[in-house]
């Protein structure tokens, strides 16, 4: 299995209330990215030998702030990112 390098220049989380827990949001996004990396390592991209994939911009609107901060929010975000990456690269 090959490794796929991922470099993300910026992540924006929109729609959070002013009293949202920034640390909790940061942890959820980090957890989602870890889960995404695990899925990419098992993906058709990895098996096909892709080592670098360039996506200029990937935008999701499917997850509300409340959902992101829920128990399964990071997993849901990882699912959405994974699906979007595969749609754009296969």
PDB file of N, CA and C in Angstrom:
ATOM      1  N   UNK A   1       0.845  -1.175   0.000  1.00  0.00           N
ATOM      2  CA  UNK A   1       0.000   0.000   0.000  1.00  0.00           C
ATOM      3  C   UNK A   1       0.892   1.239   0.000  1.00  0.00           C
ATOM      4  N   UNK A   2       0.598   2.174  -0.889  1.00  0.00           N
ATOM      5  CA  UNK A   2       1.368   3.402  -0.944  1.00  0.00           C
ATOM      6  C   UNK A   2       0.792   4.429   0.009  1.00  0.00           C
ATOM      7  N   UNK A   3       1.620   5.387   0.341  1.00  0.00           N
ATOM      8  CA  UNK A   3       1.146   6.482   1.180  1.00  0.00           C
ATOM      9  C   UNK A   3       0.722   7.632   0.290  1.00  0.00           C
ATOM     10  N   UNK A   4      -0.327   8.294   0.652  1.00  0.00           N
ATOM     11  CA  UNK A   4      -0.783   9.480  -0.053  1.00  0.00           C
ATOM     12  C   UNK A   4      -0.501  10.675   0.845  1.00  0.00           C
ATOM     13  N   UNK A   5       0.258  11.623   0.322  1.00  0.00           N
ATOM     14  CA  UNK A   5       0.552  12.832   1.085  1.00  0.00           C
ATOM     15  C   UNK A   5      -0.580  13.824   0.901  1.00  0.00           C
ATOM     16  N   UNK A   6      -0.994  14.428   1.992  1.00  0.00           N
ATOM     17  CA  UNK A   6      -2.061  15.421   1.946  1.00  0.00           C
ATOM     18  C   UNK A   6      -1.533  16.704   2.567  1.00  0.00           C
ATOM     19  N   UNK A   7      -1.652  17.782   1.825  1.00  0.00           N
ATOM     20  CA  UNK A   7      -1.280  19.092   2.362  1.00  0.00           C
ATOM     21  C   UNK A   7      -2.496  19.990   2.226  1.00  0.00           C
ATOM     22  N   UNK A   8      -2.878  20.577   3.310  1.00  0.00           N
ATOM     23  CA  UNK A   8      -4.048  21.454   3.322  1.00  0.00           C
ATOM     24  C   UNK A   8      -3.570  22.846   3.713  1.00  0.00           C
ATOM     25  N   UNK A   9      -3.823  23.800   2.842  1.00  0.00           N
ATOM     26  CA  UNK A   9      -3.380  25.166   3.116  1.00  0.00           C
ATOM     27  C   UNK A   9      -4.278  25.881   4.113  1.00  0.00           C
ATOM     28  N   UNK A  10      -5.573  25.656   4.012  1.00  0.00           N
ATOM     29  CA  UNK A  10      -6.466  26.302   4.968  1.00  0.00           C
ATOM     30  C   UNK A  10      -7.792  25.552   5.045  1.00  0.00           C
ATOM     31  N   UNK A  11      -8.401  25.671   6.194  1.00  0.00           N
ATOM     32  CA  UNK A  11      -9.723  25.096   6.439  1.00  0.00           C
ATOM     33  C   UNK A  11     -10.567  26.201   7.061  1.00  0.00           C
ATOM     34  N   UNK A  12     -11.752  26.384   6.518  1.00  0.00           N
ATOM     35  CA  UNK A  12     -12.678  27.365   7.069  1.00  0.00           C
ATOM     36  C   UNK A  12     -13.929  26.641   7.531  1.00  0.00           C
ATOM     37  N   UNK A  13     -14.343  26.921   8.738  1.00  0.00           N
ATOM     38  CA  UNK A  13     -15.588  26.380   9.267  1.00  0.00           C
ATOM     39  C   UNK A  13     -16.522  27.567   9.418  1.00  0.00           C
ATOM     40  N   UNK A  14     -17.575  27.561   8.620  1.00  0.00           N
ATOM     41  CA  UNK A  14     -18.503  28.687   8.596  1.00  0.00           C
ATOM     42  C   UNK A  14     -19.782  28.357   9.352  1.00  0.00           C
ATOM     43  N   UNK A  15     -20.438  29.367   9.820  1.00  0.00           N
ATOM     44  CA  UNK A  15     -21.748  29.185  10.429  1.00  0.00           C
ATOM     45  C   UNK A  15     -21.731  28.879  11.915  1.00  0.00           C
ATOM     46  N   UNK A  16     -20.608  29.077  12.569  1.00  0.00           N
ATOM     47  CA  UNK A  16     -20.548  28.838  14.011  1.00  0.00           C
ATOM     48  C   UNK A  16     -21.044  30.066  14.755  1.00  0.00           C
ATOM     49  N   UNK A  17     -21.723  29.835  15.856  1.00  0.00           N
ATOM     50  CA  UNK A  17     -22.168  30.959  16.671  1.00  0.00           C
ATOM     51  C   UNK A  17     -20.965  31.548  17.405  1.00  0.00           C
ATOM     52  N   UNK A  18     -21.131  32.743  17.887  1.00  0.00           N
ATOM     53  CA  UNK A  18     -20.036  33.417  18.588  1.00  0.00           C
ATOM     54  C   UNK A  18     -19.612  32.679  19.850  1.00  0.00           C
ATOM     55  N   UNK A  19     -20.515  31.939  20.468  1.00  0.00           N
ATOM     56  CA  UNK A  19     -20.185  31.231  21.697  1.00  0.00           C
ATOM     57  C   UNK A  19     -19.753  29.781  21.449  1.00  0.00           C
ATOM     58  N   UNK A  20     -19.495  29.420  20.188  1.00  0.00           N
ATOM     59  CA  UNK A  20     -19.048  28.062  19.872  1.00  0.00           C
ATOM     60  C   UNK A  20     -17.672  27.807  20.495  1.00  0.00           C
ATOM     61  N   UNK A  21     -17.463  26.615  20.945  1.00  0.00           N
ATOM     62  CA  UNK A  21     -16.197  26.217  21.559  1.00  0.00           C
ATOM     63  C   UNK A  21     -15.160  25.979  20.462  1.00  0.00           C
ATOM     64  N   UNK A  22     -14.262  26.945  20.266  1.00  0.00           N
ATOM     65  CA  UNK A  22     -13.268  26.855  19.194  1.00  0.00           C
ATOM     66  C   UNK A  22     -12.378  25.626  19.336  1.00  0.00           C
ATOM     67  N   UNK A  23     -12.019  25.273  20.549  1.00  0.00           N
ATOM     68  CA  UNK A  23     -11.171  24.090  20.776  1.00  0.00           C
ATOM     69  C   UNK A  23     -11.902  22.822  20.355  1.00  0.00           C
ATOM     70  N   UNK A  24     -13.194  22.743  20.653  1.00  0.00           N
ATOM     71  CA  UNK A  24     -13.977  21.570  20.266  1.00  0.00           C
ATOM     72  C   UNK A  24     -14.073  21.471  18.748  1.00  0.00           C
ATOM     73  N   UNK A  25     -14.246  22.598  18.081  1.00  0.00           N
ATOM     74  CA  UNK A  25     -14.289  22.611  16.616  1.00  0.00           C
ATOM     75  C   UNK A  25     -12.953  22.142  16.058  1.00  0.00           C
ATOM     76  N   UNK A  26     -11.868  22.666  16.598  1.00  0.00           N
ATOM     77  CA  UNK A  26     -10.534  22.280  16.151  1.00  0.00           C
ATOM     78  C   UNK A  26     -10.308  20.771  16.343  1.00  0.00           C
ATOM     79  N   UNK A  27     -10.702  20.236  17.488  1.00  0.00           N
ATOM     80  CA  UNK A  27     -10.538  18.796  17.739  1.00  0.00           C
ATOM     81  C   UNK A  27     -11.367  17.970  16.757  1.00  0.00           C
ATOM     82  N   UNK A  28     -12.593  18.408  16.483  1.00  0.00           N
ATOM     83  CA  UNK A  28     -13.455  17.674  15.549  1.00  0.00           C
ATOM     84  C   UNK A  28     -12.859  17.658  14.149  1.00  0.00           C
ATOM     85  N   UNK A  29     -12.345  18.786  13.696  1.00  0.00           N
ATOM     86  CA  UNK A  29     -11.745  18.849  12.364  1.00  0.00           C
ATOM     87  C   UNK A  29     -10.480  17.990  12.313  1.00  0.00           C
ATOM     88  N   UNK A  30      -9.649  18.051  13.335  1.00  0.00           N
ATOM     89  CA  UNK A  30      -8.435  17.229  13.371  1.00  0.00           C
ATOM     90  C   UNK A  30      -8.786  15.749  13.364  1.00  0.00           C
ATOM     91  N   UNK A  31      -9.788  15.370  14.128  1.00  0.00           N
ATOM     92  CA  UNK A  31     -10.218  13.976  14.160  1.00  0.00           C
ATOM     93  C   UNK A  31     -10.747  13.553  12.791  1.00  0.00           C
ATOM     94  N   UNK A  32     -11.508  14.427  12.145  1.00  0.00           N
ATOM     95  CA  UNK A  32     -12.033  14.124  10.811  1.00  0.00           C
ATOM     96  C   UNK A  32     -10.896  13.932   9.814  1.00  0.00           C
ATOM     97  N   UNK A  33      -9.866  14.757   9.886  1.00  0.00           N
ATOM     98  CA  UNK A  33      -8.741  14.633   8.964  1.00  0.00           C
ATOM     99  C   UNK A  33      -7.960  13.341   9.204  1.00  0.00           C
ATOM    100  N   UNK A  34      -7.840  12.939  10.460  1.00  0.00           N
ATOM    101  CA  UNK A  34      -7.192  11.663  10.768  1.00  0.00           C
ATOM    102  C   UNK A  34      -7.998  10.505  10.178  1.00  0.00           C
ATOM    103  N   UNK A  35      -9.303  10.544  10.362  1.00  0.00           N
ATOM    104  CA  UNK A  35     -10.170   9.499   9.807  1.00  0.00           C
ATOM    105  C   UNK A  35     -10.115   9.513   8.276  1.00  0.00           C
ATOM    106  N   UNK A  36     -10.070  10.692   7.682  1.00  0.00           N
ATOM    107  CA  UNK A  36      -9.952  10.806   6.236  1.00  0.00           C
ATOM    108  C   UNK A  36      -8.659  10.156   5.756  1.00  0.00           C
ATOM    109  N   UNK A  37      -7.567  10.419   6.422  1.00  0.00           N
ATOM    110  CA  UNK A  37      -6.280   9.831   6.040  1.00  0.00           C
ATOM    111  C   UNK A  37      -6.338   8.304   6.101  1.00  0.00           C
ATOM    112  N   UNK A  38      -6.986   7.770   7.120  1.00  0.00           N
ATOM    113  CA  UNK A  38      -7.124   6.315   7.240  1.00  0.00           C
ATOM    114  C   UNK A  38      -7.930   5.754   6.071  1.00  0.00           C
ATOM    115  N   UNK A  39      -8.996   6.434   5.699  1.00  0.00           N
ATOM    116  CA  UNK A  39      -9.829   5.970   4.575  1.00  0.00           C
ATOM    117  C   UNK A  39      -9.080   6.082   3.249  1.00  0.00           C
ATOM    118  N   UNK A  40      -8.347   7.159   3.065  1.00  0.00           N
ATOM    119  CA  UNK A  40      -7.578   7.314   1.828  1.00  0.00           C
ATOM    120  C   UNK A  40      -6.513   6.217   1.699  1.00  0.00           C
ATOM    121  N   UNK A  41      -5.933   5.822   2.824  1.00  0.00           N
ATOM    122  CA  UNK A  41      -4.921   4.761   2.788  1.00  0.00           C
ATOM    123  C   UNK A  41      -5.512   3.433   2.335  1.00  0.00           C
ATOM    124  N   UNK A  42      -6.818   3.243   2.535  1.00  0.00           N
ATOM    125  CA  UNK A  42      -7.490   2.006   2.118  1.00  0.00           C
ATOM    126  C   UNK A  42      -8.271   2.177   0.821  1.00  0.00           C
ATOM    127  N   UNK A  43      -8.157   3.313   0.196  1.00  0.00           N
ATOM    128  CA  UNK A  43      -8.993   3.660  -0.946  1.00  0.00           C
ATOM    129  C   UNK A  43      -8.441   3.145  -2.271  1.00  0.00           C
ATOM    130  N   UNK A  44      -9.270   3.198  -3.308  1.00  0.00           N
ATOM    131  CA  UNK A  44      -8.789   2.854  -4.651  1.00  0.00           C
ATOM    132  C   UNK A  44      -7.633   3.746  -5.090  1.00  0.00           C
ATOM    133  N   UNK A  45      -7.586   4.978  -4.601  1.00  0.00           N
ATOM    134  CA  UNK A  45      -6.479   5.866  -4.956  1.00  0.00           C
ATOM    135  C   UNK A  45      -5.155   5.291  -4.485  1.00  0.00           C
ATOM    136  N   UNK A  46      -5.122   4.841  -3.255  1.00  0.00           N
ATOM    137  CA  UNK A  46      -3.898   4.263  -2.706  1.00  0.00           C
ATOM    138  C   UNK A  46      -3.513   2.990  -3.441  1.00  0.00           C
ATOM    139  N   UNK A  47      -4.489   2.148  -3.705  1.00  0.00           N
ATOM    140  CA  UNK A  47      -4.215   0.881  -4.388  1.00  0.00           C
ATOM    141  C   UNK A  47      -3.754   1.093  -5.824  1.00  0.00           C
ATOM    142  N   UNK A  48      -4.151   2.206  -6.433  1.00  0.00           N
ATOM    143  CA  UNK A  48      -3.753   2.459  -7.818  1.00  0.00           C
ATOM    144  C   UNK A  48      -2.380   3.116  -7.916  1.00  0.00           C
ATOM    145  N   UNK A  49      -1.786   3.440  -6.790  1.00  0.00           N
ATOM    146  CA  UNK A  49      -0.446   4.007  -6.796  1.00  0.00           C
ATOM    147  C   UNK A  49      -0.392   5.523  -6.781  1.00  0.00           C
ATOM    148  N   UNK A  50      -1.532   6.189  -6.635  1.00  0.00           N
ATOM    149  CA  UNK A  50      -1.530   7.652  -6.576  1.00  0.00           C
ATOM    150  C   UNK A  50      -0.760   8.095  -5.338  1.00  0.00           C
ATOM    151  N   UNK A  51       0.204   8.971  -5.544  1.00  0.00           N
ATOM    152  CA  UNK A  51       0.967   9.483  -4.405  1.00  0.00           C
ATOM    153  C   UNK A  51       0.693  10.953  -4.151  1.00  0.00           C
ATOM    154  N   UNK A  52       0.161  11.621  -5.163  1.00  0.00           N
ATOM    155  CA  UNK A  52      -0.127  13.036  -5.005  1.00  0.00           C
ATOM    156  C   UNK A  52      -1.406  13.361  -5.756  1.00  0.00           C
ATOM    157  N   UNK A  53      -2.251  14.090  -5.122  1.00  0.00           N
ATOM    158  CA  UNK A  53      -3.530  14.477  -5.705  1.00  0.00           C
ATOM    159  C   UNK A  53      -3.728  15.954  -5.408  1.00  0.00           C
ATOM    160  N   UNK A  54      -3.920  16.742  -6.437  1.00  0.00           N
ATOM    161  CA  UNK A  54      -4.075  18.183  -6.244  1.00  0.00           C
ATOM    162  C   UNK A  54      -5.530  18.583  -6.454  1.00  0.00           C
ATOM    163  N   UNK A  55      -6.130  19.095  -5.428  1.00  0.00           N
ATOM    164  CA  UNK A  55      -7.474  19.678  -5.515  1.00  0.00           C
ATOM    165  C   UNK A  55      -7.329  21.113  -5.051  1.00  0.00           C
ATOM    166  N   UNK A  56      -7.637  22.034  -5.926  1.00  0.00           N
ATOM    167  CA  UNK A  56      -7.443  23.436  -5.573  1.00  0.00           C
ATOM    168  C   UNK A  56      -8.393  23.874  -4.467  1.00  0.00           C
ATOM    169  N   UNK A  57      -9.618  23.415  -4.557  1.00  0.00           N
ATOM    170  CA  UNK A  57     -10.598  23.819  -3.547  1.00  0.00           C
ATOM    171  C   UNK A  57     -11.630  22.717  -3.375  1.00  0.00           C
ATOM    172  N   UNK A  58     -11.923  22.410  -2.161  1.00  0.00           N
ATOM    173  CA  UNK A  58     -12.948  21.428  -1.845  1.00  0.00           C
ATOM    174  C   UNK A  58     -13.860  22.081  -0.823  1.00  0.00           C
ATOM    175  N   UNK A  59     -15.121  22.177  -1.152  1.00  0.00           N
ATOM    176  CA  UNK A  59     -16.061  22.866  -0.293  1.00  0.00           C
ATOM    177  C   UNK A  59     -17.228  21.950   0.028  1.00  0.00           C
ATOM    178  N   UNK A  60     -17.605  21.913   1.292  1.00  0.00           N
ATOM    179  CA  UNK A  60     -18.746  21.113   1.735  1.00  0.00           C
ATOM    180  C   UNK A  60     -19.743  22.018   2.441  1.00  0.00           C
ATOM    181  N   UNK A  61     -21.000  21.770   2.209  1.00  0.00           N
ATOM    182  CA  UNK A  61     -22.039  22.517   2.912  1.00  0.00           C
ATOM    183  C   UNK A  61     -23.000  21.575   3.617  1.00  0.00           C
ATOM    184  N   UNK A  62     -22.660  20.304   3.665  1.00  0.00           N
ATOM    185  CA  UNK A  62     -23.600  19.290   4.129  1.00  0.00           C
ATOM    186  C   UNK A  62     -23.661  19.126   5.641  1.00  0.00           C
ATOM    187  N   UNK A  63     -22.762  19.722   6.364  1.00  0.00           N
ATOM    188  CA  UNK A  63     -22.697  19.478   7.801  1.00  0.00           C
ATOM    189  C   UNK A  63     -22.905  20.774   8.572  1.00  0.00           C
ATOM    190  N   UNK A  64     -23.886  20.773   9.433  1.00  0.00           N
ATOM    191  CA  UNK A  64     -24.129  21.958  10.256  1.00  0.00           C
ATOM    192  C   UNK A  64     -23.097  22.007  11.387  1.00  0.00           C
ATOM    193  N   UNK A  65     -22.961  23.178  11.973  1.00  0.00           N
ATOM    194  CA  UNK A  65     -22.027  23.339  13.085  1.00  0.00           C
ATOM    195  C   UNK A  65     -22.406  22.427  14.245  1.00  0.00           C
ATOM    196  N   UNK A  66     -23.698  22.324  14.526  1.00  0.00           N
ATOM    197  CA  UNK A  66     -24.144  21.453  15.619  1.00  0.00           C
ATOM    198  C   UNK A  66     -23.793  20.000  15.330  1.00  0.00           C
ATOM    199  N   UNK A  67     -23.952  19.601  14.078  1.00  0.00           N
ATOM    200  CA  UNK A  67     -23.623  18.221  13.722  1.00  0.00           C
ATOM    201  C   UNK A  67     -22.122  17.968  13.821  1.00  0.00           C
ATOM    202  N   UNK A  68     -21.306  18.930  13.385  1.00  0.00           N
ATOM    203  CA  UNK A  68     -19.854  18.782  13.479  1.00  0.00           C
ATOM    204  C   UNK A  68     -19.424  18.550  14.917  1.00  0.00           C
ATOM    205  N   UNK A  69     -20.076  19.231  15.845  1.00  0.00           N
ATOM    206  CA  UNK A  69     -19.697  19.113  17.253  1.00  0.00           C
ATOM    207  C   UNK A  69     -20.407  17.968  17.972  1.00  0.00           C
ATOM    208  N   UNK A  70     -21.216  17.208  17.246  1.00  0.00           N
ATOM    209  CA  UNK A  70     -21.894  16.066  17.865  1.00  0.00           C
ATOM    210  C   UNK A  70     -20.928  14.886  17.987  1.00  0.00           C
ATOM    211  N   UNK A  71     -21.404  13.831  18.612  1.00  0.00           N
ATOM    212  CA  UNK A  71     -20.572  12.653  18.875  1.00  0.00           C
ATOM    213  C   UNK A  71     -19.970  12.061  17.606  1.00  0.00           C
ATOM    214  N   UNK A  72     -20.726  12.019  16.529  1.00  0.00           N
ATOM    215  CA  UNK A  72     -20.245  11.431  15.279  1.00  0.00           C
ATOM    216  C   UNK A  72     -19.898  12.485  14.225  1.00  0.00           C
ATOM    217  N   UNK A  73     -19.727  13.723  14.655  1.00  0.00           N
ATOM    218  CA  UNK A  73     -19.473  14.820  13.727  1.00  0.00           C
ATOM    219  C   UNK A  73     -18.195  14.648  12.921  1.00  0.00           C
ATOM    220  N   UNK A  74     -17.111  14.258  13.574  1.00  0.00           N
ATOM    221  CA  UNK A  74     -15.835  14.088  12.865  1.00  0.00           C
ATOM    222  C   UNK A  74     -15.940  12.969  11.833  1.00  0.00           C
ATOM    223  N   UNK A  75     -16.616  11.909  12.195  1.00  0.00           N
ATOM    224  CA  UNK A  75     -16.785  10.797  11.255  1.00  0.00           C
ATOM    225  C   UNK A  75     -17.625  11.227  10.054  1.00  0.00           C
ATOM    226  N   UNK A  76     -18.656  11.989  10.312  1.00  0.00           N
ATOM    227  CA  UNK A  76     -19.509  12.478   9.222  1.00  0.00           C
ATOM    228  C   UNK A  76     -18.726  13.399   8.292  1.00  0.00           C
ATOM    229  N   UNK A  77     -17.911  14.286   8.857  1.00  0.00           N
ATOM    230  CA  UNK A  77     -17.090  15.179   8.054  1.00  0.00           C
ATOM    231  C   UNK A  77     -16.082  14.379   7.231  1.00  0.00           C
ATOM    232  N   UNK A  78     -15.449  13.395   7.839  1.00  0.00           N
ATOM    233  CA  UNK A  78     -14.506  12.544   7.107  1.00  0.00           C
ATOM    234  C   UNK A  78     -15.195  11.831   5.952  1.00  0.00           C
ATOM    235  N   UNK A  79     -16.407  11.335   6.193  1.00  0.00           N
ATOM    236  CA  UNK A  79     -17.176  10.677   5.126  1.00  0.00           C
ATOM    237  C   UNK A  79     -17.432  11.628   3.965  1.00  0.00           C
ATOM    238  N   UNK A  80     -17.868  12.840   4.279  1.00  0.00           N
ATOM    239  CA  UNK A  80     -18.171  13.823   3.246  1.00  0.00           C
ATOM    240  C   UNK A  80     -16.918  14.217   2.463  1.00  0.00           C
ATOM    241  N   UNK A  81     -15.809  14.419   3.161  1.00  0.00           N
ATOM    242  CA  UNK A  81     -14.551  14.760   2.487  1.00  0.00           C
ATOM    243  C   UNK A  81     -14.078  13.625   1.587  1.00  0.00           C
ATOM    244  N   UNK A  82     -14.133  12.418   2.106  1.00  0.00           N
ATOM    245  CA  UNK A  82     -13.703  11.250   1.341  1.00  0.00           C
ATOM    246  C   UNK A  82     -14.533  11.111   0.063  1.00  0.00           C
ATOM    247  N   UNK A  83     -15.841  11.226   0.190  1.00  0.00           N
ATOM    248  CA  UNK A  83     -16.727  11.123  -0.975  1.00  0.00           C
ATOM    249  C   UNK A  83     -16.423  12.208  -1.994  1.00  0.00           C
ATOM    250  N   UNK A  84     -16.215  13.425  -1.524  1.00  0.00           N
ATOM    251  CA  UNK A  84     -15.929  14.535  -2.436  1.00  0.00           C
ATOM    252  C   UNK A  84     -14.593  14.342  -3.152  1.00  0.00           C
ATOM    253  N   UNK A  85     -13.603  13.863  -2.434  1.00  0.00           N
ATOM    254  CA  UNK A  85     -12.283  13.616  -3.048  1.00  0.00           C
ATOM    255  C   UNK A  85     -12.387  12.529  -4.098  1.00  0.00           C
ATOM    256  N   UNK A  86     -13.049  11.435  -3.786  1.00  0.00           N
ATOM    257  CA  UNK A  86     -13.180  10.351  -4.762  1.00  0.00           C
ATOM    258  C   UNK A  86     -13.963  10.800  -5.988  1.00  0.00           C
ATOM    259  N   UNK A  87     -15.029  11.565  -5.797  1.00  0.00           N
ATOM    260  CA  UNK A  87     -15.813  12.055  -6.943  1.00  0.00           C
ATOM    261  C   UNK A  87     -14.970  12.904  -7.878  1.00  0.00           C
ATOM    262  N   UNK A  88     -14.083  13.695  -7.311  1.00  0.00           N
ATOM    263  CA  UNK A  88     -13.287  14.608  -8.134  1.00  0.00           C
ATOM    264  C   UNK A  88     -12.040  13.971  -8.728  1.00  0.00           C
ATOM    265  N   UNK A  89     -11.652  12.817  -8.227  1.00  0.00           N
ATOM    266  CA  UNK A  89     -10.377  12.248  -8.675  1.00  0.00           C
ATOM    267  C   UNK A  89     -10.508  10.972  -9.482  1.00  0.00           C
ATOM    268  N   UNK A  90     -11.641  10.296  -9.423  1.00  0.00           N
ATOM    269  CA  UNK A  90     -11.783   9.035 -10.173  1.00  0.00           C
ATOM    270  C   UNK A  90     -12.499   9.246 -11.476  1.00  0.00           C
TER     271      UNK A  90
END
